[in-house]
Amino acid sequence: MSQQPYGQPGYQQGPPPQQQQYAPPPQQQFQQNFLCVTTNDIPGYRIDAVYGEVFGLTVRSRNAFSQMGAGLKSMFGGELKGMTKALMDSRNEVMQRMIQEAINRGANAIVGMRFDTSEMGDVWTEICAYGTAVTISRQG
């Protein structure tokens, strides 16, 4: 017997559906004890060592077909979901690269983090995340 939606005749009573807990993607697991902030200091922490600038970089080419679809969509308005997803994926990728570089230097935090984006020709976009790798400890 197939189950019917809640409140419909014939629905078999059972436990409510479980809501899934958010879990970060596997590639982001190493970041759990790593702090990355846009400020130059962190309240409640002191900077014990500075390792210098770290960055993550990616250059993306544009897909001609998605560009045409985005061009049509932009004429009528609305979010360009494919482009939004591509930008989110790129930002996450450069963040991971920057954090991994900081970890490789012995840092446990990044201060002064920024994003930068630039066009390279007509078909490439560069996305960069950068900041200062530091070791921090709790004050007190």
N, C-alpha and C. Protein backbone atom coordinates (compact mmCIF):
# COMPACT_ATOMS: atom_id res chain seq x y z
N MET A 1 0.85 -1.18 0.00
CA MET A 1 0.00 0.00 0.00
C MET A 1 0.89 1.24 0.00
N SER A 2 0.65 2.14 -0.93
CA SER A 2 1.48 3.34 -1.00
C SER A 2 1.01 4.33 0.06
N GLN A 3 1.99 5.06 0.60
CA GLN A 3 1.65 6.05 1.62
C GLN A 3 1.14 7.32 0.97
N GLN A 4 0.17 7.93 1.59
CA GLN A 4 -0.40 9.19 1.14
C GLN A 4 0.25 10.32 1.92
N PRO A 5 0.21 11.54 1.42
CA PRO A 5 0.73 12.69 2.17
C PRO A 5 0.00 12.85 3.50
N TYR A 6 0.67 13.50 4.47
CA TYR A 6 0.06 13.77 5.76
C TYR A 6 -1.32 14.37 5.58
N GLY A 7 -2.28 13.94 6.39
CA GLY A 7 -3.61 14.51 6.40
C GLY A 7 -4.52 13.96 5.32
N GLN A 8 -4.02 13.12 4.44
CA GLN A 8 -4.83 12.55 3.37
C GLN A 8 -5.40 11.22 3.82
N PRO A 9 -6.59 10.86 3.38
CA PRO A 9 -7.17 9.56 3.73
C PRO A 9 -6.22 8.44 3.31
N GLY A 10 -6.09 7.45 4.14
CA GLY A 10 -5.24 6.31 3.83
C GLY A 10 -3.80 6.46 4.31
N TYR A 11 -3.47 7.61 4.92
CA TYR A 11 -2.09 7.80 5.40
C TYR A 11 -1.85 6.90 6.60
N GLN A 12 -0.75 6.16 6.58
CA GLN A 12 -0.40 5.29 7.70
C GLN A 12 0.42 6.10 8.69
N GLN A 13 -0.06 6.15 9.92
CA GLN A 13 0.62 6.92 10.96
C GLN A 13 1.97 6.29 11.25
N GLY A 14 2.96 7.09 11.38
CA GLY A 14 4.31 6.62 11.71
C GLY A 14 5.10 7.79 12.22
N PRO A 15 6.38 7.58 12.50
CA PRO A 15 7.19 8.69 13.01
C PRO A 15 7.32 9.77 11.93
N PRO A 16 7.43 11.04 12.35
CA PRO A 16 7.59 12.11 11.36
C PRO A 16 8.92 11.93 10.63
N PRO A 17 9.02 12.42 9.40
CA PRO A 17 10.27 12.30 8.66
C PRO A 17 11.40 13.00 9.41
N GLN A 18 12.58 12.40 9.37
CA GLN A 18 13.75 12.97 10.03
C GLN A 18 14.30 14.12 9.19
N GLN A 19 14.58 15.24 9.85
CA GLN A 19 15.21 16.36 9.15
C GLN A 19 16.71 16.13 9.18
N GLN A 20 17.35 16.27 8.03
CA GLN A 20 18.78 16.00 7.95
C GLN A 20 19.57 17.12 8.60
N GLN A 21 20.61 16.74 9.31
CA GLN A 21 21.53 17.69 9.93
C GLN A 21 22.50 18.18 8.86
N TYR A 22 22.89 19.47 8.95
CA TYR A 22 23.88 19.98 8.00
C TYR A 22 25.25 19.44 8.38
N ALA A 23 25.95 18.95 7.40
CA ALA A 23 27.34 18.53 7.59
C ALA A 23 28.15 19.17 6.48
N PRO A 24 29.28 19.80 6.80
CA PRO A 24 30.07 20.42 5.75
C PRO A 24 30.58 19.36 4.78
N PRO A 25 30.81 19.74 3.52
CA PRO A 25 31.35 18.77 2.58
C PRO A 25 32.67 18.21 3.08
N PRO A 26 33.02 16.98 2.69
CA PRO A 26 34.24 16.35 3.20
C PRO A 26 35.50 17.18 3.01
N GLN A 27 35.62 17.91 1.91
CA GLN A 27 36.82 18.68 1.66
C GLN A 27 36.97 19.85 2.63
N GLN A 28 35.91 20.19 3.39
CA GLN A 28 36.00 21.31 4.32
C GLN A 28 36.17 20.84 5.77
N GLN A 29 36.29 19.54 6.00
CA GLN A 29 36.39 19.03 7.36
C GLN A 29 37.63 19.57 8.08
N PHE A 30 38.75 19.75 7.38
CA PHE A 30 39.98 20.17 8.04
C PHE A 30 39.90 21.59 8.57
N GLN A 31 38.89 22.36 8.19
CA GLN A 31 38.79 23.76 8.59
C GLN A 31 38.11 23.95 9.94
N GLN A 32 37.65 22.90 10.60
CA GLN A 32 36.84 23.05 11.80
C GLN A 32 37.54 23.80 12.91
N ASN A 33 38.83 23.63 13.10
CA ASN A 33 39.55 24.31 14.16
C ASN A 33 40.38 25.47 13.62
N PHE A 34 40.00 25.97 12.48
CA PHE A 34 40.74 27.04 11.82
C PHE A 34 39.85 28.26 11.76
N LEU A 35 40.38 29.41 12.17
CA LEU A 35 39.60 30.64 12.18
C LEU A 35 40.08 31.55 11.05
N CYS A 36 39.13 32.05 10.28
CA CYS A 36 39.42 32.95 9.16
C CYS A 36 38.50 34.14 9.29
N VAL A 37 39.07 35.34 9.46
CA VAL A 37 38.27 36.55 9.68
C VAL A 37 38.71 37.67 8.75
N THR A 38 37.79 38.61 8.54
CA THR A 38 38.11 39.76 7.69
C THR A 38 38.72 40.91 8.50
N THR A 39 38.68 40.81 9.81
CA THR A 39 39.24 41.87 10.66
C THR A 39 40.74 41.66 10.83
N ASN A 40 41.43 42.68 11.34
CA ASN A 40 42.88 42.58 11.54
C ASN A 40 43.26 42.04 12.91
N ASP A 41 42.28 41.91 13.79
CA ASP A 41 42.51 41.28 15.08
C ASP A 41 41.27 40.49 15.45
N ILE A 42 41.40 39.67 16.49
CA ILE A 42 40.30 38.80 16.90
C ILE A 42 40.07 39.03 18.38
N PRO A 43 38.92 39.59 18.77
CA PRO A 43 38.66 39.85 20.19
C PRO A 43 38.78 38.56 21.00
N GLY A 44 39.50 38.67 22.12
CA GLY A 44 39.68 37.53 23.01
C GLY A 44 40.88 36.66 22.65
N TYR A 45 41.57 36.99 21.57
CA TYR A 45 42.75 36.23 21.13
C TYR A 45 43.92 37.18 20.95
N ARG A 46 45.11 36.64 21.07
CA ARG A 46 46.31 37.41 20.75
C ARG A 46 47.03 36.71 19.60
N ILE A 47 47.69 37.49 18.78
CA ILE A 47 48.46 36.94 17.67
C ILE A 47 49.86 36.67 18.18
N ASP A 48 50.25 35.40 18.14
CA ASP A 48 51.55 34.98 18.66
C ASP A 48 52.64 34.97 17.58
N ALA A 49 52.26 34.68 16.33
CA ALA A 49 53.23 34.63 15.24
C ALA A 49 52.52 35.01 13.94
N VAL A 50 53.27 35.68 13.06
CA VAL A 50 52.77 36.06 11.75
C VAL A 50 53.60 35.34 10.70
N TYR A 51 52.92 34.65 9.79
CA TYR A 51 53.61 33.88 8.75
C TYR A 51 53.57 34.54 7.39
N GLY A 52 52.91 35.66 7.27
CA GLY A 52 52.87 36.37 6.01
C GLY A 52 51.60 36.11 5.22
N GLU A 53 51.59 36.68 4.01
CA GLU A 53 50.41 36.58 3.16
C GLU A 53 50.25 35.18 2.60
N VAL A 54 49.01 34.73 2.58
CA VAL A 54 48.65 33.47 1.94
C VAL A 54 47.49 33.76 0.99
N PHE A 55 47.40 32.97 -0.06
CA PHE A 55 46.30 33.19 -0.99
C PHE A 55 45.89 31.88 -1.64
N GLY A 56 44.69 31.88 -2.16
CA GLY A 56 44.17 30.80 -2.97
C GLY A 56 43.68 31.43 -4.26
N LEU A 57 43.93 30.77 -5.38
CA LEU A 57 43.65 31.37 -6.67
C LEU A 57 43.03 30.34 -7.60
N THR A 58 42.09 30.77 -8.42
CA THR A 58 41.58 29.93 -9.49
C THR A 58 41.26 30.84 -10.67
N VAL A 59 41.41 30.30 -11.86
CA VAL A 59 41.02 30.99 -13.08
C VAL A 59 39.99 30.11 -13.76
N ARG A 60 38.83 30.67 -14.02
CA ARG A 60 37.73 29.92 -14.62
C ARG A 60 37.45 30.45 -16.01
N SER A 61 37.18 29.53 -16.92
CA SER A 61 36.73 29.94 -18.24
C SER A 61 35.22 29.90 -18.25
N ARG A 62 34.64 30.70 -19.09
CA ARG A 62 33.19 30.76 -19.16
C ARG A 62 32.69 29.76 -20.18
N ASN A 63 31.64 29.08 -19.84
CA ASN A 63 30.98 28.14 -20.75
C ASN A 63 30.10 28.96 -21.69
N ALA A 64 30.33 28.84 -22.99
CA ALA A 64 29.59 29.65 -23.96
C ALA A 64 28.09 29.41 -23.88
N PHE A 65 27.67 28.17 -23.66
CA PHE A 65 26.24 27.87 -23.61
C PHE A 65 25.59 28.47 -22.37
N SER A 66 26.29 28.37 -21.22
CA SER A 66 25.71 28.97 -20.01
C SER A 66 25.69 30.49 -20.12
N GLN A 67 26.68 31.07 -20.82
CA GLN A 67 26.70 32.51 -21.03
C GLN A 67 25.50 32.96 -21.85
N MET A 68 25.16 32.18 -22.89
CA MET A 68 24.00 32.54 -23.71
C MET A 68 22.72 32.45 -22.89
N GLY A 69 22.59 31.38 -22.10
CA GLY A 69 21.41 31.23 -21.24
C GLY A 69 21.33 32.34 -20.22
N ALA A 70 22.47 32.71 -19.65
CA ALA A 70 22.50 33.78 -18.66
C ALA A 70 22.14 35.11 -19.32
N GLY A 71 22.59 35.31 -20.54
CA GLY A 71 22.26 36.54 -21.26
C GLY A 71 20.77 36.67 -21.49
N LEU A 72 20.14 35.57 -21.89
CA LEU A 72 18.70 35.58 -22.09
C LEU A 72 17.96 35.82 -20.78
N LYS A 73 18.40 35.13 -19.72
CA LYS A 73 17.74 35.28 -18.42
C LYS A 73 17.89 36.71 -17.90
N SER A 74 19.05 37.31 -18.12
CA SER A 74 19.27 38.67 -17.60
C SER A 74 18.37 39.69 -18.28
N MET A 75 17.92 39.40 -19.50
CA MET A 75 17.01 40.32 -20.18
C MET A 75 15.64 40.33 -19.50
N PHE A 76 15.26 39.19 -18.91
CA PHE A 76 13.93 39.08 -18.30
C PHE A 76 13.98 39.21 -16.78
N GLY A 77 15.15 39.26 -16.21
CA GLY A 77 15.29 39.41 -14.77
C GLY A 77 15.35 38.07 -14.06
N GLY A 78 15.75 38.08 -12.80
CA GLY A 78 15.83 36.88 -11.99
C GLY A 78 17.26 36.47 -11.72
N GLU A 79 17.40 35.57 -10.77
CA GLU A 79 18.73 35.08 -10.38
C GLU A 79 19.27 34.14 -11.44
N LEU A 80 20.55 34.26 -11.70
CA LEU A 80 21.24 33.36 -12.62
C LEU A 80 21.83 32.23 -11.78
N LYS A 81 21.02 31.21 -11.51
CA LYS A 81 21.40 30.16 -10.55
C LYS A 81 22.66 29.42 -10.94
N GLY A 82 22.84 29.14 -12.22
CA GLY A 82 24.06 28.45 -12.67
C GLY A 82 25.30 29.29 -12.40
N MET A 83 25.20 30.59 -12.66
CA MET A 83 26.34 31.49 -12.43
C MET A 83 26.59 31.66 -10.93
N THR A 84 25.51 31.73 -10.14
CA THR A 84 25.65 31.85 -8.69
C THR A 84 26.36 30.62 -8.13
N LYS A 85 25.96 29.43 -8.57
CA LYS A 85 26.60 28.20 -8.10
C LYS A 85 28.07 28.16 -8.50
N ALA A 86 28.38 28.57 -9.72
CA ALA A 86 29.77 28.57 -10.18
C ALA A 86 30.61 29.52 -9.33
N LEU A 87 30.06 30.69 -8.99
CA LEU A 87 30.80 31.64 -8.15
C LEU A 87 30.98 31.10 -6.73
N MET A 88 29.95 30.49 -6.16
CA MET A 88 30.06 29.91 -4.81
C MET A 88 31.11 28.79 -4.80
N ASP A 89 31.08 27.93 -5.81
CA ASP A 89 32.06 26.84 -5.89
C ASP A 89 33.48 27.40 -6.00
N SER A 90 33.64 28.44 -6.81
CA SER A 90 34.97 29.05 -6.98
C SER A 90 35.45 29.69 -5.69
N ARG A 91 34.57 30.39 -4.99
CA ARG A 91 34.96 31.02 -3.72
C ARG A 91 35.35 29.97 -2.69
N ASN A 92 34.58 28.89 -2.61
CA ASN A 92 34.92 27.82 -1.67
C ASN A 92 36.26 27.19 -2.02
N GLU A 93 36.52 27.02 -3.30
CA GLU A 93 37.78 26.43 -3.74
C GLU A 93 38.97 27.30 -3.36
N VAL A 94 38.89 28.62 -3.62
CA VAL A 94 40.02 29.48 -3.29
C VAL A 94 40.19 29.61 -1.78
N MET A 95 39.09 29.58 -1.03
CA MET A 95 39.21 29.60 0.44
C MET A 95 39.95 28.36 0.92
N GLN A 96 39.59 27.20 0.40
CA GLN A 96 40.26 25.95 0.80
C GLN A 96 41.75 26.01 0.49
N ARG A 97 42.09 26.51 -0.68
CA ARG A 97 43.50 26.60 -1.07
C ARG A 97 44.26 27.56 -0.16
N MET A 98 43.65 28.70 0.17
CA MET A 98 44.30 29.67 1.05
C MET A 98 44.49 29.09 2.45
N ILE A 99 43.47 28.45 2.98
CA ILE A 99 43.56 27.87 4.32
C ILE A 99 44.60 26.75 4.34
N GLN A 100 44.64 25.93 3.30
CA GLN A 100 45.63 24.85 3.26
C GLN A 100 47.05 25.41 3.24
N GLU A 101 47.26 26.50 2.51
CA GLU A 101 48.58 27.13 2.49
C GLU A 101 48.96 27.64 3.89
N ALA A 102 47.99 28.24 4.59
CA ALA A 102 48.25 28.73 5.94
C ALA A 102 48.58 27.57 6.89
N ILE A 103 47.83 26.49 6.79
CA ILE A 103 48.09 25.31 7.63
C ILE A 103 49.49 24.76 7.34
N ASN A 104 49.86 24.71 6.07
CA ASN A 104 51.19 24.21 5.69
C ASN A 104 52.30 25.06 6.29
N ARG A 105 52.04 26.33 6.55
CA ARG A 105 53.04 27.21 7.17
C ARG A 105 53.02 27.13 8.69
N GLY A 106 52.03 26.44 9.27
CA GLY A 106 51.95 26.30 10.72
C GLY A 106 50.94 27.22 11.38
N ALA A 107 50.13 27.92 10.60
CA ALA A 107 49.15 28.86 11.15
C ALA A 107 47.89 28.14 11.61
N ASN A 108 47.16 28.77 12.52
CA ASN A 108 45.85 28.26 12.92
C ASN A 108 44.75 29.29 12.69
N ALA A 109 45.09 30.39 11.99
CA ALA A 109 44.10 31.42 11.68
C ALA A 109 44.58 32.28 10.52
N ILE A 110 43.64 32.99 9.92
CA ILE A 110 43.94 34.00 8.91
C ILE A 110 43.19 35.26 9.30
N VAL A 111 43.91 36.38 9.32
CA VAL A 111 43.29 37.68 9.59
C VAL A 111 43.34 38.53 8.32
N GLY A 112 42.46 39.50 8.23
CA GLY A 112 42.45 40.41 7.10
C GLY A 112 42.10 39.72 5.78
N MET A 113 41.24 38.70 5.82
CA MET A 113 40.90 37.94 4.62
C MET A 113 40.05 38.79 3.68
N ARG A 114 40.35 38.69 2.38
CA ARG A 114 39.61 39.41 1.35
C ARG A 114 39.45 38.52 0.12
N PHE A 115 38.43 38.84 -0.69
CA PHE A 115 38.25 38.24 -2.01
C PHE A 115 38.56 39.29 -3.05
N ASP A 116 39.09 38.85 -4.18
CA ASP A 116 39.32 39.74 -5.31
C ASP A 116 38.95 38.98 -6.57
N THR A 117 38.32 39.66 -7.51
CA THR A 117 37.91 39.05 -8.77
C THR A 117 38.31 39.98 -9.90
N SER A 118 38.82 39.40 -10.98
CA SER A 118 39.15 40.22 -12.14
C SER A 118 38.90 39.44 -13.41
N GLU A 119 38.66 40.17 -14.48
CA GLU A 119 38.45 39.57 -15.80
C GLU A 119 39.80 39.47 -16.50
N MET A 120 40.01 38.35 -17.17
CA MET A 120 41.22 38.17 -17.96
C MET A 120 40.78 37.90 -19.38
N GLY A 121 40.87 38.89 -20.23
CA GLY A 121 40.35 38.76 -21.58
C GLY A 121 38.84 38.72 -21.54
N ASP A 122 38.24 38.12 -22.54
CA ASP A 122 36.79 38.05 -22.61
C ASP A 122 36.22 36.76 -22.06
N VAL A 123 37.08 35.78 -21.79
CA VAL A 123 36.54 34.46 -21.45
C VAL A 123 37.02 33.90 -20.11
N TRP A 124 37.94 34.55 -19.43
CA TRP A 124 38.46 34.03 -18.17
C TRP A 124 38.17 34.97 -17.03
N THR A 125 37.92 34.39 -15.87
CA THR A 125 37.72 35.15 -14.64
C THR A 125 38.66 34.61 -13.58
N GLU A 126 39.41 35.48 -12.95
CA GLU A 126 40.30 35.10 -11.86
C GLU A 126 39.60 35.41 -10.55
N ILE A 127 39.64 34.45 -9.62
CA ILE A 127 39.08 34.66 -8.29
C ILE A 127 40.19 34.35 -7.30
N CYS A 128 40.40 35.27 -6.37
CA CYS A 128 41.49 35.12 -5.41
C CYS A 128 40.97 35.41 -3.99
N ALA A 129 41.38 34.60 -3.05
CA ALA A 129 41.16 34.87 -1.62
C ALA A 129 42.53 35.05 -1.01
N TYR A 130 42.71 36.08 -0.19
CA TYR A 130 44.01 36.30 0.42
C TYR A 130 43.86 36.87 1.82
N GLY A 131 44.89 36.70 2.62
CA GLY A 131 44.91 37.21 3.97
C GLY A 131 46.27 36.97 4.59
N THR A 132 46.37 37.21 5.88
CA THR A 132 47.63 37.03 6.61
C THR A 132 47.51 35.81 7.52
N ALA A 133 48.42 34.85 7.34
CA ALA A 133 48.44 33.64 8.15
C ALA A 133 49.08 33.95 9.49
N VAL A 134 48.42 33.53 10.58
CA VAL A 134 48.91 33.80 11.93
C VAL A 134 48.67 32.59 12.83
N THR A 135 49.37 32.58 13.94
CA THR A 135 49.05 31.67 15.03
C THR A 135 48.44 32.50 16.14
N ILE A 136 47.29 32.05 16.64
CA ILE A 136 46.60 32.78 17.70
C ILE A 136 46.44 31.90 18.92
N SER A 137 46.24 32.54 20.06
CA SER A 137 45.90 31.81 21.29
C SER A 137 44.96 32.68 22.11
N ARG A 138 44.18 32.03 22.94
CA ARG A 138 43.21 32.77 23.78
C ARG A 138 43.95 33.64 24.79
N GLN A 139 43.44 34.84 24.97
CA GLN A 139 44.00 35.71 26.00
C GLN A 139 43.40 35.32 27.35
N GLY A 140 44.18 35.51 28.34
CA GLY A 140 43.53 35.37 29.60
C GLY A 140 44.13 34.51 30.59
